[in-house]
Amino acid sequence: MIYFTNPGHVKGFEIDELLHGYMITFSESFLKQYVHEKILDEFPFLIAEVVPPNYPNLEIFQIFDGLGGQLLQEYQLNSAYKFKVIGSLTVVLLLKIKERFWKTYNPLTEAPTHSAIVLTFKRNLEAHFRDLLAGRCDRLFQVQDYTQAQHLHPSYFSTVIKRKTGKSVNSWIAEKTIAEAKALLARSPESVQEIAFRLGFKDAAHFSRFFKTHTKLSPFSFRQSLQS
């Protein structure tokens, strides 16, 4: 059996009979330094949220079993090139996984509307803006806030959202902020400064710059355009 999981995901294993196997874990810093700086782009199947175990035939399994043995052997050596060799073997391992099991994997077609991470992010985004507008929160959440809410690694979380929705986390936050700002400017009698505070901005100037960057209009000009 060959099985892998993703950064930040905690798994439990119950082994009835131990025959032989390898459990391999890598830190993100190791993978970026010795494998690929953008490893999740190079091997997109690593962001799959549902990864069933794979049961290859004996011939295929022996390829991976041999790689596991080589990795362990290099790890136990004291060579000056130890981590470079392990990095190279890891590339071979990931390429073999990609070739045998995930050759045509595309994260955008992996039932993106049913992605648990994406759905939870969208719910958290909506809930946060409800809290902002109701006065239960006084600051605009950033990427790290949504990452921590799901107990995931920041780069993994950002990659999943980008690859499965086609938009970055920051884009989602910005679009939602502008949508709420436009609604308030259109229907609320509050001043621009009051609206800025309601949306979690510390001052009206920052809000005005943000709004103009995304709409090409200042909040005041936007209001005027509605009246005219």
C-alpha atoms as a PDB file:
ATOM      1  CA  MET A   1       0.000   0.000   0.000  1.00  0.00           C
ATOM      2  CA  ILE A   2       1.160   3.557  -0.741  1.00  0.00           C
ATOM      3  CA  TYR A   3      -0.459   6.465   1.063  1.00  0.00           C
ATOM      4  CA  PHE A   4       0.295  10.131   1.662  1.00  0.00           C
ATOM      5  CA  THR A   5      -1.381  13.082   3.329  1.00  0.00           C
ATOM      6  CA  ASN A   6      -1.034  16.858   3.328  1.00  0.00           C
ATOM      7  CA  PRO A   7       0.644  19.560   5.437  1.00  0.00           C
ATOM      8  CA  GLY A   8      -1.310  20.307   8.583  1.00  0.00           C
ATOM      9  CA  HIS A   9      -3.471  17.184   8.366  1.00  0.00           C
ATOM     10  CA  VAL A  10      -3.159  14.902  11.386  1.00  0.00           C
ATOM     11  CA  LYS A  11      -3.774  11.199  10.771  1.00  0.00           C
ATOM     12  CA  GLY A  12      -3.990   8.214  13.075  1.00  0.00           C
ATOM     13  CA  PHE A  13      -2.794   4.749  12.140  1.00  0.00           C
ATOM     14  CA  GLU A  14      -3.820   1.407  13.625  1.00  0.00           C
ATOM     15  CA  ILE A  15      -1.544  -1.420  12.553  1.00  0.00           C
ATOM     16  CA  ASP A  16      -2.815  -4.959  13.128  1.00  0.00           C
ATOM     17  CA  GLU A  17       0.253  -6.757  11.839  1.00  0.00           C
ATOM     18  CA  LEU A  18       3.580  -5.056  11.163  1.00  0.00           C
ATOM     19  CA  LEU A  19       5.480  -6.644   8.307  1.00  0.00           C
ATOM     20  CA  HIS A  20       7.570  -3.945   6.662  1.00  0.00           C
ATOM     21  CA  GLY A  21       7.172  -0.304   5.731  1.00  0.00           C
ATOM     22  CA  TYR A  22       8.377   3.277   5.770  1.00  0.00           C
ATOM     23  CA  MET A  23       6.734   6.365   7.195  1.00  0.00           C
ATOM     24  CA  ILE A  24       8.392   9.448   5.710  1.00  0.00           C
ATOM     25  CA  THR A  25       7.773  13.067   6.696  1.00  0.00           C
ATOM     26  CA  PHE A  26       9.455  16.202   5.355  1.00  0.00           C
ATOM     27  CA  SER A  27       9.503  19.797   6.565  1.00  0.00           C
ATOM     28  CA  GLU A  28       8.512  22.502   4.089  1.00  0.00           C
ATOM     29  CA  SER A  29      11.933  24.157   4.422  1.00  0.00           C
ATOM     30  CA  PHE A  30      13.668  20.904   3.426  1.00  0.00           C
ATOM     31  CA  LEU A  31      11.419  20.399   0.413  1.00  0.00           C
ATOM     32  CA  LYS A  32      11.910  23.991  -0.778  1.00  0.00           C
ATOM     33  CA  GLN A  33      15.678  23.837  -0.337  1.00  0.00           C
ATOM     34  CA  TYR A  34      16.435  20.368  -1.691  1.00  0.00           C
ATOM     35  CA  VAL A  35      13.468  19.444  -3.905  1.00  0.00           C
ATOM     36  CA  HIS A  36      11.689  22.435  -5.471  1.00  0.00           C
ATOM     37  CA  GLU A  37      10.994  25.980  -4.265  1.00  0.00           C
ATOM     38  CA  LYS A  38       7.412  25.717  -5.509  1.00  0.00           C
ATOM     39  CA  ILE A  39       6.864  22.055  -4.784  1.00  0.00           C
ATOM     40  CA  LEU A  40       3.056  22.288  -4.694  1.00  0.00           C
ATOM     41  CA  ASP A  41       3.104  23.739  -8.226  1.00  0.00           C
ATOM     42  CA  GLU A  42       5.498  21.053  -9.459  1.00  0.00           C
ATOM     43  CA  PHE A  43       3.510  18.250  -7.812  1.00  0.00           C
ATOM     44  CA  PRO A  44      -0.106  19.514  -7.561  1.00  0.00           C
ATOM     45  CA  PHE A  45      -1.422  16.143  -6.406  1.00  0.00           C
ATOM     46  CA  LEU A  46       0.057  16.979  -2.991  1.00  0.00           C
ATOM     47  CA  ILE A  47      -2.879  19.348  -2.404  1.00  0.00           C
ATOM     48  CA  ALA A  48      -5.473  16.614  -2.974  1.00  0.00           C
ATOM     49  CA  GLU A  49      -7.834  16.610   0.000  1.00  0.00           C
ATOM     50  CA  VAL A  50      -9.063  13.059  -0.427  1.00  0.00           C
ATOM     51  CA  VAL A  51      -6.218  10.617  -0.965  1.00  0.00           C
ATOM     52  CA  PRO A  52      -7.268   6.967  -0.895  1.00  0.00           C
ATOM     53  CA  PRO A  53      -4.543   4.352  -0.310  1.00  0.00           C
ATOM     54  CA  ASN A  54      -3.111   2.869  -3.489  1.00  0.00           C
ATOM     55  CA  TYR A  55      -2.537  -0.866  -3.810  1.00  0.00           C
ATOM     56  CA  PRO A  56      -0.168  -1.421  -6.763  1.00  0.00           C
ATOM     57  CA  ASN A  57       0.916  -4.814  -8.049  1.00  0.00           C
ATOM     58  CA  LEU A  58       4.114  -6.358  -6.690  1.00  0.00           C
ATOM     59  CA  GLU A  59       6.299  -5.156  -9.576  1.00  0.00           C
ATOM     60  CA  ILE A  60       5.265  -1.513  -9.114  1.00  0.00           C
ATOM     61  CA  PHE A  61       5.385  -1.733  -5.330  1.00  0.00           C
ATOM     62  CA  GLN A  62       8.968  -3.004  -5.416  1.00  0.00           C
ATOM     63  CA  ILE A  63      10.015   0.222  -7.191  1.00  0.00           C
ATOM     64  CA  PHE A  64       8.704   2.283  -4.270  1.00  0.00           C
ATOM     65  CA  ASP A  65       9.972  -0.182  -1.694  1.00  0.00           C
ATOM     66  CA  GLY A  66      13.447   0.148  -3.209  1.00  0.00           C
ATOM     67  CA  LEU A  67      13.245   3.955  -3.069  1.00  0.00           C
ATOM     68  CA  GLY A  68      12.191   3.768   0.584  1.00  0.00           C
ATOM     69  CA  GLY A  69      15.219   1.618   1.340  1.00  0.00           C
ATOM     70  CA  GLN A  70      17.545   4.034  -0.450  1.00  0.00           C
ATOM     71  CA  LEU A  71      16.101   7.019   1.436  1.00  0.00           C
ATOM     72  CA  LEU A  72      16.581   5.292   4.770  1.00  0.00           C
ATOM     73  CA  GLN A  73      20.134   4.244   3.886  1.00  0.00           C
ATOM     74  CA  GLU A  74      21.128   7.790   2.890  1.00  0.00           C
ATOM     75  CA  TYR A  75      19.489   9.225   6.004  1.00  0.00           C
ATOM     76  CA  GLN A  76      21.621   6.972   8.196  1.00  0.00           C
ATOM     77  CA  LEU A  77      24.885   7.963   6.495  1.00  0.00           C
ATOM     78  CA  ASN A  78      27.115  10.854   7.512  1.00  0.00           C
ATOM     79  CA  SER A  79      27.847  12.081   3.993  1.00  0.00           C
ATOM     80  CA  ALA A  80      28.496  15.757   3.257  1.00  0.00           C
ATOM     81  CA  TYR A  81      25.956  15.399   0.420  1.00  0.00           C
ATOM     82  CA  LYS A  82      23.382  13.593   2.576  1.00  0.00           C
ATOM     83  CA  PHE A  83      20.491  16.050   2.184  1.00  0.00           C
ATOM     84  CA  LYS A  84      21.156  16.733  -1.493  1.00  0.00           C
ATOM     85  CA  VAL A  85      21.015  12.993  -2.197  1.00  0.00           C
ATOM     86  CA  ILE A  86      17.836  12.611  -0.126  1.00  0.00           C
ATOM     87  CA  GLY A  87      16.338  15.580  -2.012  1.00  0.00           C
ATOM     88  CA  SER A  88      17.150  13.956  -5.354  1.00  0.00           C
ATOM     89  CA  LEU A  89      15.654  10.630  -4.246  1.00  0.00           C
ATOM     90  CA  THR A  90      12.548  12.475  -3.069  1.00  0.00           C
ATOM     91  CA  VAL A  91      12.153  13.998  -6.549  1.00  0.00           C
ATOM     92  CA  VAL A  92      12.353  10.487  -8.008  1.00  0.00           C
ATOM     93  CA  LEU A  93       9.783   9.246  -5.484  1.00  0.00           C
ATOM     94  CA  LEU A  94       7.335  12.087  -6.245  1.00  0.00           C
ATOM     95  CA  LEU A  95       7.809  11.726 -10.008  1.00  0.00           C
ATOM     96  CA  LYS A  96       7.101   7.992  -9.744  1.00  0.00           C
ATOM     97  CA  ILE A  97       3.940   8.700  -7.721  1.00  0.00           C
ATOM     98  CA  LYS A  98       2.900  11.305 -10.302  1.00  0.00           C
ATOM     99  CA  GLU A  99       3.616   8.944 -13.200  1.00  0.00           C
ATOM    100  CA  ARG A 100       1.859   5.899 -11.731  1.00  0.00           C
ATOM    101  CA  PHE A 101      -1.095   7.324  -9.810  1.00  0.00           C
ATOM    102  CA  TRP A 102      -1.632  11.054 -10.471  1.00  0.00           C
ATOM    103  CA  LYS A 103      -0.544  11.612 -14.065  1.00  0.00           C
ATOM    104  CA  THR A 104      -3.652  13.580 -15.083  1.00  0.00           C
ATOM    105  CA  TYR A 105      -4.513  15.122 -11.719  1.00  0.00           C
ATOM    106  CA  ASN A 106      -5.886  18.645 -11.925  1.00  0.00           C
ATOM    107  CA  PRO A 107      -6.855  20.352  -8.637  1.00  0.00           C
ATOM    108  CA  LEU A 108      -9.485  22.479 -10.419  1.00  0.00           C
ATOM    109  CA  THR A 109     -11.378  19.352 -11.503  1.00  0.00           C
ATOM    110  CA  GLU A 110     -11.170  17.597  -8.127  1.00  0.00           C
ATOM    111  CA  ALA A 111     -14.771  18.481  -7.250  1.00  0.00           C
ATOM    112  CA  PRO A 112     -13.758  22.049  -6.298  1.00  0.00           C
ATOM    113  CA  THR A 113     -17.260  22.940  -5.118  1.00  0.00           C
ATOM    114  CA  HIS A 114     -17.027  20.089  -2.599  1.00  0.00           C
ATOM    115  CA  SER A 115     -13.561  21.021  -1.357  1.00  0.00           C
ATOM    116  CA  ALA A 116     -13.800  21.066   2.447  1.00  0.00           C
ATOM    117  CA  ILE A 117     -11.036  23.657   2.756  1.00  0.00           C
ATOM    118  CA  VAL A 118     -12.609  25.988   0.178  1.00  0.00           C
ATOM    119  CA  LEU A 119     -16.118  25.622   1.610  1.00  0.00           C
ATOM    120  CA  THR A 120     -14.915  26.285   5.157  1.00  0.00           C
ATOM    121  CA  PHE A 121     -12.948  29.333   3.984  1.00  0.00           C
ATOM    122  CA  LYS A 122     -16.013  30.787   2.226  1.00  0.00           C
ATOM    123  CA  ARG A 123     -18.176  30.202   5.307  1.00  0.00           C
ATOM    124  CA  ASN A 124     -15.562  31.811   7.548  1.00  0.00           C
ATOM    125  CA  LEU A 125     -15.311  34.777   5.171  1.00  0.00           C
ATOM    126  CA  GLU A 126     -19.085  35.338   5.261  1.00  0.00           C
ATOM    127  CA  ALA A 127     -19.236  34.888   9.026  1.00  0.00           C
ATOM    128  CA  HIS A 128     -16.429  37.391   9.586  1.00  0.00           C
ATOM    129  CA  PHE A 129     -18.153  40.118   7.567  1.00  0.00           C
ATOM    130  CA  ARG A 130     -21.406  39.491   9.447  1.00  0.00           C
ATOM    131  CA  ASP A 131     -19.460  40.025  12.673  1.00  0.00           C
ATOM    132  CA  LEU A 132     -17.835  43.183  11.296  1.00  0.00           C
ATOM    133  CA  LEU A 133     -21.113  44.747  10.240  1.00  0.00           C
ATOM    134  CA  ALA A 134     -22.778  43.777  13.524  1.00  0.00           C
ATOM    135  CA  GLY A 135     -19.963  45.387  15.519  1.00  0.00           C
ATOM    136  CA  ARG A 136     -18.763  42.090  16.997  1.00  0.00           C
ATOM    137  CA  CYS A 137     -15.310  42.523  15.446  1.00  0.00           C
ATOM    138  CA  ASP A 138     -13.194  45.629  14.843  1.00  0.00           C
ATOM    139  CA  ARG A 139     -10.531  44.499  12.379  1.00  0.00           C
ATOM    140  CA  LEU A 140     -10.429  43.054   8.871  1.00  0.00           C
ATOM    141  CA  PHE A 141      -9.150  39.457   8.883  1.00  0.00           C
ATOM    142  CA  GLN A 142      -6.052  38.648   6.834  1.00  0.00           C
ATOM    143  CA  VAL A 143      -4.820  35.410   5.232  1.00  0.00           C
ATOM    144  CA  GLN A 144      -3.242  34.138   8.461  1.00  0.00           C
ATOM    145  CA  ASP A 145      -6.542  34.441  10.329  1.00  0.00           C
ATOM    146  CA  TYR A 146      -8.332  32.161   7.863  1.00  0.00           C
ATOM    147  CA  THR A 147      -5.353  29.792   7.837  1.00  0.00           C
ATOM    148  CA  GLN A 148      -5.324  29.462  11.627  1.00  0.00           C
ATOM    149  CA  ALA A 149      -9.076  28.877  11.675  1.00  0.00           C
ATOM    150  CA  GLN A 150      -8.496  25.604   9.786  1.00  0.00           C
ATOM    151  CA  HIS A 151      -5.215  24.698  11.535  1.00  0.00           C
ATOM    152  CA  LEU A 152      -3.375  24.479   8.209  1.00  0.00           C
ATOM    153  CA  HIS A 153       0.043  25.568   7.031  1.00  0.00           C
ATOM    154  CA  PRO A 154      -0.189  29.066   5.442  1.00  0.00           C
ATOM    155  CA  SER A 155       1.468  28.197   2.116  1.00  0.00           C
ATOM    156  CA  TYR A 156      -0.564  24.998   1.783  1.00  0.00           C
ATOM    157  CA  PHE A 157      -3.836  26.796   2.576  1.00  0.00           C
ATOM    158  CA  SER A 158      -3.077  29.606   0.089  1.00  0.00           C
ATOM    159  CA  THR A 159      -2.118  27.111  -2.618  1.00  0.00           C
ATOM    160  CA  VAL A 160      -5.297  25.058  -2.148  1.00  0.00           C
ATOM    161  CA  ILE A 161      -7.545  28.138  -2.424  1.00  0.00           C
ATOM    162  CA  LYS A 162      -5.678  29.480  -5.469  1.00  0.00           C
ATOM    163  CA  ARG A 163      -5.527  26.168  -7.336  1.00  0.00           C
ATOM    164  CA  LYS A 164      -9.110  25.097  -6.581  1.00  0.00           C
ATOM    165  CA  THR A 165     -10.869  28.443  -7.127  1.00  0.00           C
ATOM    166  CA  GLY A 166      -8.538  30.254  -9.531  1.00  0.00           C
ATOM    167  CA  LYS A 167      -8.309  33.202  -7.094  1.00  0.00           C
ATOM    168  CA  SER A 168      -5.956  33.950  -4.226  1.00  0.00           C
ATOM    169  CA  VAL A 169      -7.126  34.323  -0.626  1.00  0.00           C
ATOM    170  CA  ASN A 170      -6.319  38.041  -0.791  1.00  0.00           C
ATOM    171  CA  SER A 171      -8.478  38.388  -3.915  1.00  0.00           C
ATOM    172  CA  TRP A 172     -11.414  36.736  -2.136  1.00  0.00           C
ATOM    173  CA  ILE A 173     -10.995  39.061   0.857  1.00  0.00           C
ATOM    174  CA  ALA A 174     -10.648  42.170  -1.334  1.00  0.00           C
ATOM    175  CA  GLU A 175     -13.686  41.329  -3.499  1.00  0.00           C
ATOM    176  CA  LYS A 176     -15.847  40.693  -0.435  1.00  0.00           C
ATOM    177  CA  THR A 177     -14.662  43.926   1.198  1.00  0.00           C
ATOM    178  CA  ILE A 178     -15.455  45.975  -1.920  1.00  0.00           C
ATOM    179  CA  ALA A 179     -18.867  44.333  -2.308  1.00  0.00           C
ATOM    180  CA  GLU A 180     -19.801  45.176   1.288  1.00  0.00           C
ATOM    181  CA  ALA A 181     -18.345  48.698   0.967  1.00  0.00           C
ATOM    182  CA  LYS A 182     -20.401  49.399  -2.165  1.00  0.00           C
ATOM    183  CA  ALA A 183     -23.563  48.160  -0.467  1.00  0.00           C
ATOM    184  CA  LEU A 184     -22.977  50.401   2.557  1.00  0.00           C
ATOM    185  CA  LEU A 185     -22.111  53.435   0.429  1.00  0.00           C
ATOM    186  CA  ALA A 186     -25.278  52.900  -1.594  1.00  0.00           C
ATOM    187  CA  ARG A 187     -27.809  52.345   1.176  1.00  0.00           C
ATOM    188  CA  SER A 188     -26.315  53.647   4.416  1.00  0.00           C
ATOM    189  CA  PRO A 189     -26.478  57.293   5.534  1.00  0.00           C
ATOM    190  CA  GLU A 190     -23.191  56.820   7.425  1.00  0.00           C
ATOM    191  CA  SER A 191     -20.134  58.877   6.510  1.00  0.00           C
ATOM    192  CA  VAL A 192     -17.173  57.359   4.644  1.00  0.00           C
ATOM    193  CA  GLN A 193     -15.209  57.369   7.897  1.00  0.00           C
ATOM    194  CA  GLU A 194     -17.955  55.499   9.766  1.00  0.00           C
ATOM    195  CA  ILE A 195     -18.170  52.927   6.976  1.00  0.00           C
ATOM    196  CA  ALA A 196     -14.390  52.509   7.023  1.00  0.00           C
ATOM    197  CA  PHE A 197     -14.491  51.743  10.757  1.00  0.00           C
ATOM    198  CA  ARG A 198     -17.373  49.303  10.339  1.00  0.00           C
ATOM    199  CA  LEU A 199     -15.340  47.365   7.765  1.00  0.00           C
ATOM    200  CA  GLY A 200     -12.324  47.105  10.035  1.00  0.00           C
ATOM    201  CA  PHE A 201     -10.142  49.885   8.610  1.00  0.00           C
ATOM    202  CA  LYS A 202      -8.239  51.999  11.103  1.00  0.00           C
ATOM    203  CA  ASP A 203      -8.824  55.252   9.219  1.00  0.00           C
ATOM    204  CA  ALA A 204     -10.835  56.655   6.304  1.00  0.00           C
ATOM    205  CA  ALA A 205      -7.717  57.445   4.250  1.00  0.00           C
ATOM    206  CA  HIS A 206      -6.637  53.800   4.174  1.00  0.00           C
ATOM    207  CA  PHE A 207     -10.160  52.722   3.239  1.00  0.00           C
ATOM    208  CA  SER A 208     -10.343  55.331   0.457  1.00  0.00           C
ATOM    209  CA  ARG A 209      -7.010  54.206  -1.036  1.00  0.00           C
ATOM    210  CA  PHE A 210      -8.104  50.556  -0.879  1.00  0.00           C
ATOM    211  CA  PHE A 211     -11.481  51.327  -2.485  1.00  0.00           C
ATOM    212  CA  LYS A 212      -9.943  53.426  -5.284  1.00  0.00           C
ATOM    213  CA  THR A 213      -7.313  50.773  -6.054  1.00  0.00           C
ATOM    214  CA  HIS A 214     -10.041  48.211  -6.699  1.00  0.00           C
ATOM    215  CA  THR A 215     -12.754  50.367  -8.303  1.00  0.00           C
ATOM    216  CA  LYS A 216     -10.863  53.334  -9.822  1.00  0.00           C
ATOM    217  CA  LEU A 217     -13.229  55.607  -7.868  1.00  0.00           C
ATOM    218  CA  SER A 218     -12.997  57.155  -4.422  1.00  0.00           C
ATOM    219  CA  PRO A 219     -15.848  56.259  -2.019  1.00  0.00           C
ATOM    220  CA  PHE A 220     -17.173  59.823  -2.358  1.00  0.00           C
ATOM    221  CA  SER A 221     -17.083  59.645  -6.197  1.00  0.00           C
ATOM    222  CA  PHE A 222     -18.815  56.266  -6.100  1.00  0.00           C
ATOM    223  CA  ARG A 223     -21.633  57.725  -4.016  1.00  0.00           C
ATOM    224  CA  GLN A 224     -21.940  60.677  -6.377  1.00  0.00           C
ATOM    225  CA  SER A 225     -22.138  58.365  -9.393  1.00  0.00           C
ATOM    226  CA  LEU A 226     -25.087  56.551  -7.768  1.00  0.00           C
ATOM    227  CA  GLN A 227     -26.932  59.836  -7.118  1.00  0.00           C
ATOM    228  CA  SER A 228     -26.422  61.050 -10.674  1.00  0.00           C
END
